[in-house]
């Protein structure tokens, strides 16, 4: 895979998880990949991960990687980052992947607490690095891309922008990410620069794997199919699948036709004929196969017999509006 040879990419928040997988996927495709995180060394928490480890993994996959410690809550550090890329690459930046996110710890501590029982600063803890930081990085990237009249900005978002997930503050932030990507596309279109929001599925990050392991070790019995599927890791994606999809998007000669639209990782993987790290191809979370298997977990063992047909958004919205939870 060398479709991105000669291309320059930046992946923010790449010490671990999705960012690491995305960087590796771009390295597989031959790109020069700049990666950021708060430090080069091991993270000071139970999850772990480091920029140094990601750099080695990207280079092993075939790419060139430059790791730069950056705190994306500090605009000055972000501006220095883009100045460095501009100088080192003679103004070339072909791809920005806005992935940095600092809200995981806060979401974990909230544990389902409603918004009115939380302090107002929760908004900043969840949406400063993860929404505002995406805007700042996109501004600086667009200035470089518009000059060359080419480029792609990918904003990592979530199904939480469509339906309630984790907390109200989280969902609001993800909806804003989707709108950010769409409105960027409108203003960038005359300059041949594309902007998309990317929705991974259930991703087997270090954090998610740890949560599933803890639930399994607790031996708590539950009839909640979502919890059971989490423990069973049903239809999980590895972070690398998102990386491979973004690499394919960046190499797509007709990327402008997708600009401003949501890109669901599993659906683009099927379209581009891509497989996951383990050779599997998970289905979209709006697939009939996934939805029926979640409602009746006993179907999961024979899920391949269920048609992989994506439910139209209008039908999903209609179902949500009829829910007694609305």
C-alpha atoms as a PDB file:
ATOM      1  CA  UNK A   1       0.000   0.000   0.000  1.00  0.00           C
ATOM      2  CA  UNK A   2       1.764   3.117  -1.206  1.00  0.00           C
ATOM      3  CA  UNK A   3      -1.066   5.384  -2.318  1.00  0.00           C
ATOM      4  CA  UNK A   4       0.067   8.155   0.054  1.00  0.00           C
ATOM      5  CA  UNK A   5       3.771   8.162  -0.811  1.00  0.00           C
ATOM      6  CA  UNK A   6       4.923  11.775  -0.919  1.00  0.00           C
ATOM      7  CA  UNK A   7       1.941  12.971   1.137  1.00  0.00           C
ATOM      8  CA  UNK A   8       2.226  14.751   4.489  1.00  0.00           C
ATOM      9  CA  UNK A   9      -0.273  14.090   7.274  1.00  0.00           C
ATOM     10  CA  UNK A  10      -0.839  15.268  10.843  1.00  0.00           C
ATOM     11  CA  UNK A  11      -2.656  13.117  13.391  1.00  0.00           C
ATOM     12  CA  UNK A  12      -3.399  14.812  16.712  1.00  0.00           C
ATOM     13  CA  UNK A  13      -3.715  12.803  19.914  1.00  0.00           C
ATOM     14  CA  UNK A  14      -1.765   9.796  18.632  1.00  0.00           C
ATOM     15  CA  UNK A  15      -0.145   8.397  21.774  1.00  0.00           C
ATOM     16  CA  UNK A  16      -2.600   5.507  21.845  1.00  0.00           C
ATOM     17  CA  UNK A  17      -6.067   4.364  20.828  1.00  0.00           C
ATOM     18  CA  UNK A  18      -7.637   5.665  17.653  1.00  0.00           C
ATOM     19  CA  UNK A  19      -4.893   8.193  16.999  1.00  0.00           C
ATOM     20  CA  UNK A  20      -2.219   5.503  17.108  1.00  0.00           C
ATOM     21  CA  UNK A  21      -4.193   3.235  14.781  1.00  0.00           C
ATOM     22  CA  UNK A  22      -4.835   6.085  12.356  1.00  0.00           C
ATOM     23  CA  UNK A  23      -1.149   7.017  12.269  1.00  0.00           C
ATOM     24  CA  UNK A  24      -0.178   3.392  11.583  1.00  0.00           C
ATOM     25  CA  UNK A  25      -2.755   3.144   8.795  1.00  0.00           C
ATOM     26  CA  UNK A  26      -1.314   6.243   7.142  1.00  0.00           C
ATOM     27  CA  UNK A  27       2.199   4.846   7.590  1.00  0.00           C
ATOM     28  CA  UNK A  28       1.134   1.642   5.825  1.00  0.00           C
ATOM     29  CA  UNK A  29       0.098   3.811   2.892  1.00  0.00           C
ATOM     30  CA  UNK A  30       3.550   5.426   2.752  1.00  0.00           C
ATOM     31  CA  UNK A  31       2.758   8.861   4.184  1.00  0.00           C
ATOM     32  CA  UNK A  32       5.005  11.114   6.213  1.00  0.00           C
ATOM     33  CA  UNK A  33       3.056  11.339   9.461  1.00  0.00           C
ATOM     34  CA  UNK A  34       3.395  13.998  12.130  1.00  0.00           C
ATOM     35  CA  UNK A  35       1.882  12.889  15.423  1.00  0.00           C
ATOM     36  CA  UNK A  36       1.121  14.821  18.594  1.00  0.00           C
ATOM     37  CA  UNK A  37       0.461  14.041  22.235  1.00  0.00           C
ATOM     38  CA  UNK A  38       1.200  15.674  25.541  1.00  0.00           C
ATOM     39  CA  UNK A  39       4.573  13.942  25.977  1.00  0.00           C
ATOM     40  CA  UNK A  40       6.945  11.589  24.200  1.00  0.00           C
ATOM     41  CA  UNK A  41       7.152   9.218  27.147  1.00  0.00           C
ATOM     42  CA  UNK A  42       4.690   6.774  28.651  1.00  0.00           C
ATOM     43  CA  UNK A  43       1.391   8.258  29.822  1.00  0.00           C
ATOM     44  CA  UNK A  44       1.095   8.573  33.588  1.00  0.00           C
ATOM     45  CA  UNK A  45      -2.056   6.488  33.925  1.00  0.00           C
ATOM     46  CA  UNK A  46      -3.254   2.896  33.909  1.00  0.00           C
ATOM     47  CA  UNK A  47      -3.992   2.880  30.178  1.00  0.00           C
ATOM     48  CA  UNK A  48      -0.463   3.693  28.979  1.00  0.00           C
ATOM     49  CA  UNK A  49       0.746   4.514  25.489  1.00  0.00           C
ATOM     50  CA  UNK A  50       3.291   7.029  24.205  1.00  0.00           C
ATOM     51  CA  UNK A  51       4.255   9.007  21.134  1.00  0.00           C
ATOM     52  CA  UNK A  52       7.562   7.132  21.027  1.00  0.00           C
ATOM     53  CA  UNK A  53       5.728   3.808  20.748  1.00  0.00           C
ATOM     54  CA  UNK A  54       3.453   5.132  18.022  1.00  0.00           C
ATOM     55  CA  UNK A  55       6.424   6.488  16.095  1.00  0.00           C
ATOM     56  CA  UNK A  56       8.097   3.077  16.098  1.00  0.00           C
ATOM     57  CA  UNK A  57       4.861   1.393  14.981  1.00  0.00           C
ATOM     58  CA  UNK A  58       4.356   3.834  12.100  1.00  0.00           C
ATOM     59  CA  UNK A  59       7.913   3.361  10.896  1.00  0.00           C
ATOM     60  CA  UNK A  60       7.566  -0.418  11.159  1.00  0.00           C
ATOM     61  CA  UNK A  61       4.455  -0.164   8.972  1.00  0.00           C
ATOM     62  CA  UNK A  62       6.456   1.631   6.279  1.00  0.00           C
ATOM     63  CA  UNK A  63       5.871   5.318   6.940  1.00  0.00           C
ATOM     64  CA  UNK A  64       8.023   8.166   8.117  1.00  0.00           C
ATOM     65  CA  UNK A  65       6.957   9.563  11.491  1.00  0.00           C
ATOM     66  CA  UNK A  66       7.774  12.762  13.359  1.00  0.00           C
ATOM     67  CA  UNK A  67       6.576  12.853  16.966  1.00  0.00           C
ATOM     68  CA  UNK A  68       6.048  16.286  18.541  1.00  0.00           C
ATOM     69  CA  UNK A  69       4.820  16.855  22.107  1.00  0.00           C
ATOM     70  CA  UNK A  70       1.902  19.301  21.959  1.00  0.00           C
ATOM     71  CA  UNK A  71      -0.777  20.263  24.467  1.00  0.00           C
ATOM     72  CA  UNK A  72      -3.760  21.048  22.252  1.00  0.00           C
ATOM     73  CA  UNK A  73      -5.329  23.203  24.947  1.00  0.00           C
ATOM     74  CA  UNK A  74      -2.484  25.678  24.364  1.00  0.00           C
ATOM     75  CA  UNK A  75      -3.024  27.632  21.131  1.00  0.00           C
ATOM     76  CA  UNK A  76       0.567  28.848  21.057  1.00  0.00           C
ATOM     77  CA  UNK A  77       1.925  25.286  21.083  1.00  0.00           C
ATOM     78  CA  UNK A  78      -0.452  24.364  18.262  1.00  0.00           C
ATOM     79  CA  UNK A  79       0.627  27.349  16.183  1.00  0.00           C
ATOM     80  CA  UNK A  80       4.286  26.426  16.667  1.00  0.00           C
ATOM     81  CA  UNK A  81       3.463  22.911  15.508  1.00  0.00           C
ATOM     82  CA  UNK A  82       2.001  24.131  12.220  1.00  0.00           C
ATOM     83  CA  UNK A  83       4.850  26.573  11.724  1.00  0.00           C
ATOM     84  CA  UNK A  84       7.273  23.671  12.038  1.00  0.00           C
ATOM     85  CA  UNK A  85       5.374  21.542   9.514  1.00  0.00           C
ATOM     86  CA  UNK A  86       5.184  24.501   7.155  1.00  0.00           C
ATOM     87  CA  UNK A  87       8.947  25.036   7.323  1.00  0.00           C
ATOM     88  CA  UNK A  88       9.992  21.380   7.202  1.00  0.00           C
ATOM     89  CA  UNK A  89       7.612  20.423   4.370  1.00  0.00           C
ATOM     90  CA  UNK A  90       7.837  23.626   2.323  1.00  0.00           C
ATOM     91  CA  UNK A  91       4.206  24.470   2.975  1.00  0.00           C
ATOM     92  CA  UNK A  92       2.841  20.998   2.222  1.00  0.00           C
ATOM     93  CA  UNK A  93       0.149  19.470   4.404  1.00  0.00           C
ATOM     94  CA  UNK A  94      -2.182  17.066   2.636  1.00  0.00           C
ATOM     95  CA  UNK A  95      -4.158  15.646   5.539  1.00  0.00           C
ATOM     96  CA  UNK A  96      -5.172  16.750   9.028  1.00  0.00           C
ATOM     97  CA  UNK A  97      -6.814  14.206  11.316  1.00  0.00           C
ATOM     98  CA  UNK A  98      -8.345  15.995  14.292  1.00  0.00           C
ATOM     99  CA  UNK A  99      -8.395  13.260  16.920  1.00  0.00           C
ATOM    100  CA  UNK A 100      -7.029  14.799  20.152  1.00  0.00           C
ATOM    101  CA  UNK A 101      -9.466  14.332  23.030  1.00  0.00           C
ATOM    102  CA  UNK A 102      -9.082  14.979  26.755  1.00  0.00           C
ATOM    103  CA  UNK A 103     -12.535  14.138  28.106  1.00  0.00           C
ATOM    104  CA  UNK A 104     -12.260  10.413  28.828  1.00  0.00           C
ATOM    105  CA  UNK A 105     -11.343  10.787  32.510  1.00  0.00           C
ATOM    106  CA  UNK A 106     -14.144  13.294  33.121  1.00  0.00           C
ATOM    107  CA  UNK A 107     -16.719  11.080  31.407  1.00  0.00           C
ATOM    108  CA  UNK A 108     -15.561   8.134  33.515  1.00  0.00           C
ATOM    109  CA  UNK A 109     -15.832  10.155  36.723  1.00  0.00           C
ATOM    110  CA  UNK A 110     -19.330  11.401  35.835  1.00  0.00           C
ATOM    111  CA  UNK A 111     -20.627   7.807  35.615  1.00  0.00           C
ATOM    112  CA  UNK A 112     -24.014   8.741  34.227  1.00  0.00           C
ATOM    113  CA  UNK A 113     -24.481  11.831  36.385  1.00  0.00           C
ATOM    114  CA  UNK A 114     -26.980  14.238  34.716  1.00  0.00           C
ATOM    115  CA  UNK A 115     -25.682  17.576  33.469  1.00  0.00           C
ATOM    116  CA  UNK A 116     -27.321  19.654  36.237  1.00  0.00           C
ATOM    117  CA  UNK A 117     -25.459  17.694  38.915  1.00  0.00           C
ATOM    118  CA  UNK A 118     -22.094  18.480  37.300  1.00  0.00           C
ATOM    119  CA  UNK A 119     -20.032  21.625  37.610  1.00  0.00           C
ATOM    120  CA  UNK A 120     -20.007  23.963  34.575  1.00  0.00           C
ATOM    121  CA  UNK A 121     -16.299  23.320  33.970  1.00  0.00           C
ATOM    122  CA  UNK A 122     -17.227  19.809  32.829  1.00  0.00           C
ATOM    123  CA  UNK A 123     -18.088  21.442  29.509  1.00  0.00           C
ATOM    124  CA  UNK A 124     -14.482  22.582  29.012  1.00  0.00           C
ATOM    125  CA  UNK A 125     -13.006  19.325  30.279  1.00  0.00           C
ATOM    126  CA  UNK A 126     -14.980  17.404  27.638  1.00  0.00           C
ATOM    127  CA  UNK A 127     -15.171  19.873  24.748  1.00  0.00           C
ATOM    128  CA  UNK A 128     -12.060  22.051  24.935  1.00  0.00           C
ATOM    129  CA  UNK A 129      -9.618  19.462  23.608  1.00  0.00           C
ATOM    130  CA  UNK A 130     -11.987  17.606  21.327  1.00  0.00           C
ATOM    131  CA  UNK A 131     -14.023  20.448  19.806  1.00  0.00           C
ATOM    132  CA  UNK A 132     -12.366  23.835  20.231  1.00  0.00           C
ATOM    133  CA  UNK A 133      -8.952  22.297  19.602  1.00  0.00           C
ATOM    134  CA  UNK A 134     -10.269  20.789  16.363  1.00  0.00           C
ATOM    135  CA  UNK A 135     -11.339  24.234  15.220  1.00  0.00           C
ATOM    136  CA  UNK A 136      -7.962  25.784  16.029  1.00  0.00           C
ATOM    137  CA  UNK A 137      -6.016  23.056  14.217  1.00  0.00           C
ATOM    138  CA  UNK A 138      -8.356  23.211  11.224  1.00  0.00           C
ATOM    139  CA  UNK A 139      -7.864  26.975  10.907  1.00  0.00           C
ATOM    140  CA  UNK A 140      -4.092  26.568  10.730  1.00  0.00           C
ATOM    141  CA  UNK A 141      -4.244  23.544   8.428  1.00  0.00           C
ATOM    142  CA  UNK A 142      -6.703  25.222   6.058  1.00  0.00           C
ATOM    143  CA  UNK A 143      -4.375  28.187   5.630  1.00  0.00           C
ATOM    144  CA  UNK A 144      -1.734  25.806   4.289  1.00  0.00           C
ATOM    145  CA  UNK A 145      -4.108  23.711   2.188  1.00  0.00           C
ATOM    146  CA  UNK A 146      -5.933  26.629   0.563  1.00  0.00           C
ATOM    147  CA  UNK A 147      -2.633  27.993  -0.741  1.00  0.00           C
ATOM    148  CA  UNK A 148      -1.965  24.704  -2.537  1.00  0.00           C
ATOM    149  CA  UNK A 149      -5.636  24.167  -3.411  1.00  0.00           C
ATOM    150  CA  UNK A 150      -5.698  20.604  -2.159  1.00  0.00           C
ATOM    151  CA  UNK A 151      -6.090  18.732   1.098  1.00  0.00           C
ATOM    152  CA  UNK A 152      -8.411  16.859   3.423  1.00  0.00           C
ATOM    153  CA  UNK A 153      -9.461  17.609   7.004  1.00  0.00           C
ATOM    154  CA  UNK A 154     -10.907  14.646   8.921  1.00  0.00           C
ATOM    155  CA  UNK A 155     -12.693  15.361  12.187  1.00  0.00           C
ATOM    156  CA  UNK A 156     -13.044  12.268  14.361  1.00  0.00           C
ATOM    157  CA  UNK A 157     -16.562  12.281  15.742  1.00  0.00           C
ATOM    158  CA  UNK A 158     -18.921   9.649  17.101  1.00  0.00           C
ATOM    159  CA  UNK A 159     -22.378   8.110  16.956  1.00  0.00           C
ATOM    160  CA  UNK A 160     -22.932  10.239  20.064  1.00  0.00           C
ATOM    161  CA  UNK A 161     -23.637  13.070  17.638  1.00  0.00           C
ATOM    162  CA  UNK A 162     -26.719  11.172  16.442  1.00  0.00           C
ATOM    163  CA  UNK A 163     -28.120   9.630  19.609  1.00  0.00           C
ATOM    164  CA  UNK A 164     -27.544   9.978  23.360  1.00  0.00           C
ATOM    165  CA  UNK A 165     -24.250   8.437  24.460  1.00  0.00           C
ATOM    166  CA  UNK A 166     -22.346   8.830  27.771  1.00  0.00           C
ATOM    167  CA  UNK A 167     -23.655  12.305  28.654  1.00  0.00           C
ATOM    168  CA  UNK A 168     -25.453  15.354  27.277  1.00  0.00           C
ATOM    169  CA  UNK A 169     -22.211  17.338  27.163  1.00  0.00           C
ATOM    170  CA  UNK A 170     -20.505  14.586  25.158  1.00  0.00           C
ATOM    171  CA  UNK A 171     -23.329  14.361  22.625  1.00  0.00           C
ATOM    172  CA  UNK A 172     -23.496  18.131  22.177  1.00  0.00           C
ATOM    173  CA  UNK A 173     -19.757  18.201  21.480  1.00  0.00           C
ATOM    174  CA  UNK A 174     -19.946  15.417  18.910  1.00  0.00           C
ATOM    175  CA  UNK A 175     -22.920  17.016  17.144  1.00  0.00           C
ATOM    176  CA  UNK A 176     -20.862  20.198  16.991  1.00  0.00           C
ATOM    177  CA  UNK A 177     -17.928  18.266  15.475  1.00  0.00           C
ATOM    178  CA  UNK A 178     -20.221  17.005  12.726  1.00  0.00           C
ATOM    179  CA  UNK A 179     -21.524  20.486  12.007  1.00  0.00           C
ATOM    180  CA  UNK A 180     -17.993  21.877  12.131  1.00  0.00           C
ATOM    181  CA  UNK A 181     -16.872  19.416   9.440  1.00  0.00           C
ATOM    182  CA  UNK A 182     -19.907  20.144   7.265  1.00  0.00           C
ATOM    183  CA  UNK A 183     -19.635  23.929   7.458  1.00  0.00           C
ATOM    184  CA  UNK A 184     -15.885  23.833   6.866  1.00  0.00           C
ATOM    185  CA  UNK A 185     -16.643  21.904   3.674  1.00  0.00           C
ATOM    186  CA  UNK A 186     -18.915  24.682   2.406  1.00  0.00           C
ATOM    187  CA  UNK A 187     -16.261  27.363   2.786  1.00  0.00           C
ATOM    188  CA  UNK A 188     -13.373  25.165   1.575  1.00  0.00           C
ATOM    189  CA  UNK A 189     -15.135  23.816  -1.526  1.00  0.00           C
ATOM    190  CA  UNK A 190     -14.007  26.632  -3.885  1.00  0.00           C
ATOM    191  CA  UNK A 191     -10.388  25.838  -2.975  1.00  0.00           C
ATOM    192  CA  UNK A 192     -10.594  22.083  -3.665  1.00  0.00           C
ATOM    193  CA  UNK A 193     -10.079  21.223   0.011  1.00  0.00           C
ATOM    194  CA  UNK A 194     -12.338  18.557   1.513  1.00  0.00           C
ATOM    195  CA  UNK A 195     -13.680  18.271   5.062  1.00  0.00           C
ATOM    196  CA  UNK A 196     -15.423  15.218   6.516  1.00  0.00           C
ATOM    197  CA  UNK A 197     -16.535  13.879   9.881  1.00  0.00           C
ATOM    198  CA  UNK A 198     -15.482  10.287  10.588  1.00  0.00           C
ATOM    199  CA  UNK A 199     -17.535   7.926  12.729  1.00  0.00           C
ATOM    200  CA  UNK A 200     -15.732   4.786  13.941  1.00  0.00           C
ATOM    201  CA  UNK A 201     -17.817   1.993  15.415  1.00  0.00           C
ATOM    202  CA  UNK A 202     -17.082   0.300  18.737  1.00  0.00           C
ATOM    203  CA  UNK A 203     -13.303   0.541  18.812  1.00  0.00           C
ATOM    204  CA  UNK A 204     -11.012  -1.801  20.712  1.00  0.00           C
ATOM    205  CA  UNK A 205      -8.857   0.930  22.232  1.00  0.00           C
ATOM    206  CA  UNK A 206      -6.781   0.332  25.330  1.00  0.00           C
ATOM    207  CA  UNK A 207      -9.407   2.144  27.405  1.00  0.00           C
ATOM    208  CA  UNK A 208     -12.395   0.220  26.002  1.00  0.00           C
ATOM    209  CA  UNK A 209     -10.604  -3.102  26.379  1.00  0.00           C
ATOM    210  CA  UNK A 210      -9.817  -2.264  30.003  1.00  0.00           C
ATOM    211  CA  UNK A 211     -13.456  -1.371  30.704  1.00  0.00           C
ATOM    212  CA  UNK A 212     -14.675  -4.636  29.146  1.00  0.00           C
ATOM    213  CA  UNK A 213     -12.139  -6.651  31.132  1.00  0.00           C
ATOM    214  CA  UNK A 214     -13.157  -4.971  34.396  1.00  0.00           C
ATOM    215  CA  UNK A 215     -16.848  -5.663  33.759  1.00  0.00           C
ATOM    216  CA  UNK A 216     -16.070  -9.288  32.920  1.00  0.00           C
ATOM    217  CA  UNK A 217     -13.906  -9.705  36.036  1.00  0.00           C
ATOM    218  CA  UNK A 218     -16.672  -8.298  38.246  1.00  0.00           C
ATOM    219  CA  UNK A 219     -18.872 -11.305  37.342  1.00  0.00           C
ATOM    220  CA  UNK A 220     -21.909  -9.041  37.319  1.00  0.00           C
ATOM    221  CA  UNK A 221     -24.797 -10.695  35.524  1.00  0.00           C
ATOM    222  CA  UNK A 222     -26.925  -8.454  33.376  1.00  0.00           C
ATOM    223  CA  UNK A 223     -29.686  -8.752  30.805  1.00  0.00           C
ATOM    224  CA  UNK A 224     -28.587  -5.527  29.135  1.00  0.00           C
ATOM    225  CA  UNK A 225     -27.559  -6.573  25.599  1.00  0.00           C
ATOM    226  CA  UNK A 226     -25.267  -3.568  25.263  1.00  0.00           C
ATOM    227  CA  UNK A 227     -23.274  -4.622  28.343  1.00  0.00           C
ATOM    228  CA  UNK A 228     -23.174  -8.243  27.213  1.00  0.00           C
ATOM    229  CA  UNK A 229     -21.946  -7.227  23.758  1.00  0.00           C
ATOM    230  CA  UNK A 230     -19.299  -5.046  25.372  1.00  0.00           C
ATOM    231  CA  UNK A 231     -17.987  -7.964  27.412  1.00  0.00           C
ATOM    232  CA  UNK A 232     -18.124 -10.264  24.374  1.00  0.00           C
ATOM    233  CA  UNK A 233     -16.450  -7.569  22.209  1.00  0.00           C
ATOM    234  CA  UNK A 234     -19.080  -8.166  19.571  1.00  0.00           C
ATOM    235  CA  UNK A 235     -18.517  -6.337  16.252  1.00  0.00           C
ATOM    236  CA  UNK A 236     -15.570  -4.384  17.624  1.00  0.00           C
ATOM    237  CA  UNK A 237     -13.174  -2.586  15.307  1.00  0.00           C
ATOM    238  CA  UNK A 238      -9.455  -2.129  15.874  1.00  0.00           C
ATOM    239  CA  UNK A 239      -8.077   1.427  15.611  1.00  0.00           C
ATOM    240  CA  UNK A 240      -6.171   0.393  12.490  1.00  0.00           C
ATOM    241  CA  UNK A 241      -9.398   0.060  10.496  1.00  0.00           C
ATOM    242  CA  UNK A 242     -10.098   3.770  10.949  1.00  0.00           C
ATOM    243  CA  UNK A 243      -6.537   4.465   9.794  1.00  0.00           C
ATOM    244  CA  UNK A 244      -6.950   2.379   6.669  1.00  0.00           C
ATOM    245  CA  UNK A 245     -10.251   4.053   5.842  1.00  0.00           C
ATOM    246  CA  UNK A 246      -8.793   7.541   6.278  1.00  0.00           C
ATOM    247  CA  UNK A 247      -5.824   6.562   4.102  1.00  0.00           C
ATOM    248  CA  UNK A 248      -8.265   5.451   1.401  1.00  0.00           C
ATOM    249  CA  UNK A 249     -10.230   8.688   1.710  1.00  0.00           C
ATOM    250  CA  UNK A 250      -7.038  10.741   1.414  1.00  0.00           C
ATOM    251  CA  UNK A 251      -6.055   8.813  -1.709  1.00  0.00           C
ATOM    252  CA  UNK A 252      -9.529   8.971  -3.302  1.00  0.00           C
ATOM    253  CA  UNK A 253      -9.275  11.126  -6.463  1.00  0.00           C
ATOM    254  CA  UNK A 254     -12.962  11.988  -6.066  1.00  0.00           C
ATOM    255  CA  UNK A 255     -12.805  12.953  -2.409  1.00  0.00           C
ATOM    256  CA  UNK A 256     -14.585  16.259  -3.055  1.00  0.00           C
ATOM    257  CA  UNK A 257     -17.832  14.376  -3.682  1.00  0.00           C
ATOM    258  CA  UNK A 258     -17.693  13.213  -0.069  1.00  0.00           C
ATOM    259  CA  UNK A 259     -16.841  16.615   1.391  1.00  0.00           C
ATOM    260  CA  UNK A 260     -19.237  17.779   4.078  1.00  0.00           C
ATOM    261  CA  UNK A 261     -20.663  14.300   4.638  1.00  0.00           C
ATOM    262  CA  UNK A 262     -20.375  11.780   7.461  1.00  0.00           C
ATOM    263  CA  UNK A 263     -18.001   8.908   6.766  1.00  0.00           C
ATOM    264  CA  UNK A 264     -18.859   5.759   8.729  1.00  0.00           C
ATOM    265  CA  UNK A 265     -15.728   3.636   9.040  1.00  0.00           C
ATOM    266  CA  UNK A 266     -17.390   0.238   8.564  1.00  0.00           C
ATOM    267  CA  UNK A 267     -19.335   1.436   5.523  1.00  0.00           C
ATOM    268  CA  UNK A 268     -16.307   2.981   3.833  1.00  0.00           C
ATOM    269  CA  UNK A 269     -14.276  -0.170   4.639  1.00  0.00           C
ATOM    270  CA  UNK A 270     -16.840  -2.224   2.757  1.00  0.00           C
ATOM    271  CA  UNK A 271     -16.859   0.215  -0.166  1.00  0.00           C
ATOM    272  CA  UNK A 272     -13.051   0.383  -0.405  1.00  0.00           C
ATOM    273  CA  UNK A 273     -12.704  -3.380   0.217  1.00  0.00           C
ATOM    274  CA  UNK A 274     -10.637  -2.925   3.372  1.00  0.00           C
ATOM    275  CA  UNK A 275     -10.274  -5.341   6.284  1.00  0.00           C
ATOM    276  CA  UNK A 276      -9.403  -4.851   9.920  1.00  0.00           C
ATOM    277  CA  UNK A 277      -6.118  -5.725  11.613  1.00  0.00           C
ATOM    278  CA  UNK A 278      -7.418  -9.237  12.278  1.00  0.00           C
ATOM    279  CA  UNK A 279      -8.773  -9.715   8.750  1.00  0.00           C
ATOM    280  CA  UNK A 280     -12.385  -9.081   9.746  1.00  0.00           C
ATOM    281  CA  UNK A 281     -14.741  -6.450   8.388  1.00  0.00           C
ATOM    282  CA  UNK A 282     -17.161  -5.236  11.114  1.00  0.00           C
ATOM    283  CA  UNK A 283     -20.547  -3.970  10.010  1.00  0.00           C
ATOM    284  CA  UNK A 284     -21.967  -0.490  10.502  1.00  0.00           C
ATOM    285  CA  UNK A 285     -23.823   0.235  13.727  1.00  0.00           C
ATOM    286  CA  UNK A 286     -26.878   1.027  11.584  1.00  0.00           C
ATOM    287  CA  UNK A 287     -26.698  -2.326   9.818  1.00  0.00           C
ATOM    288  CA  UNK A 288     -29.703  -4.613  10.203  1.00  0.00           C
ATOM    289  CA  UNK A 289     -27.226  -7.344  11.163  1.00  0.00           C
ATOM    290  CA  UNK A 290     -25.834  -5.338  14.061  1.00  0.00           C
ATOM    291  CA  UNK A 291     -29.161  -3.952  15.280  1.00  0.00           C
ATOM    292  CA  UNK A 292     -30.882  -7.365  15.378  1.00  0.00           C
ATOM    293  CA  UNK A 293     -27.854  -8.983  17.023  1.00  0.00           C
ATOM    294  CA  UNK A 294     -27.871  -6.317  19.712  1.00  0.00           C
ATOM    295  CA  UNK A 295     -31.573  -6.731  20.391  1.00  0.00           C
ATOM    296  CA  UNK A 296     -31.306 -10.528  20.465  1.00  0.00           C
ATOM    297  CA  UNK A 297     -27.717 -11.456  21.450  1.00  0.00           C
ATOM    298  CA  UNK A 298     -28.430 -15.121  20.805  1.00  0.00           C
ATOM    299  CA  UNK A 299     -28.304 -14.256  17.099  1.00  0.00           C
ATOM    300  CA  UNK A 300     -24.685 -13.125  17.257  1.00  0.00           C
ATOM    301  CA  UNK A 301     -23.244 -16.584  16.637  1.00  0.00           C
ATOM    302  CA  UNK A 302     -25.150 -16.826  13.358  1.00  0.00           C
ATOM    303  CA  UNK A 303     -25.098 -13.101  12.528  1.00  0.00           C
ATOM    304  CA  UNK A 304     -23.537 -13.733   9.119  1.00  0.00           C
ATOM    305  CA  UNK A 305     -26.926 -15.096   7.996  1.00  0.00           C
ATOM    306  CA  UNK A 306     -28.546 -11.703   8.640  1.00  0.00           C
ATOM    307  CA  UNK A 307     -28.362  -9.337   5.646  1.00  0.00           C
ATOM    308  CA  UNK A 308     -25.796  -6.558   6.031  1.00  0.00           C
ATOM    309  CA  UNK A 309     -28.241  -3.837   4.987  1.00  0.00           C
ATOM    310  CA  UNK A 310     -27.909  -0.328   6.389  1.00  0.00           C
ATOM    311  CA  UNK A 311     -31.099   1.134   7.828  1.00  0.00           C
ATOM    312  CA  UNK A 312     -31.901   4.558   6.280  1.00  0.00           C
ATOM    313  CA  UNK A 313     -31.382   7.545   8.559  1.00  0.00           C
ATOM    314  CA  UNK A 314     -35.037   8.544   8.181  1.00  0.00           C
ATOM    315  CA  UNK A 315     -36.123   5.192   9.631  1.00  0.00           C
ATOM    316  CA  UNK A 316     -33.657   5.425  12.516  1.00  0.00           C
ATOM    317  CA  UNK A 317     -34.818   8.953  13.339  1.00  0.00           C
ATOM    318  CA  UNK A 318     -38.451   7.878  13.205  1.00  0.00           C
ATOM    319  CA  UNK A 319     -37.716   5.021  15.606  1.00  0.00           C
ATOM    320  CA  UNK A 320     -35.950   7.354  18.015  1.00  0.00           C
ATOM    321  CA  UNK A 321     -38.781   9.871  17.979  1.00  0.00           C
ATOM    322  CA  UNK A 322     -41.288   7.135  18.841  1.00  0.00           C
ATOM    323  CA  UNK A 323     -39.208   5.962  21.785  1.00  0.00           C
ATOM    324  CA  UNK A 324     -40.728   6.649  25.219  1.00  0.00           C
ATOM    325  CA  UNK A 325     -37.289   7.960  26.253  1.00  0.00           C
ATOM    326  CA  UNK A 326     -37.700  11.001  23.989  1.00  0.00           C
END
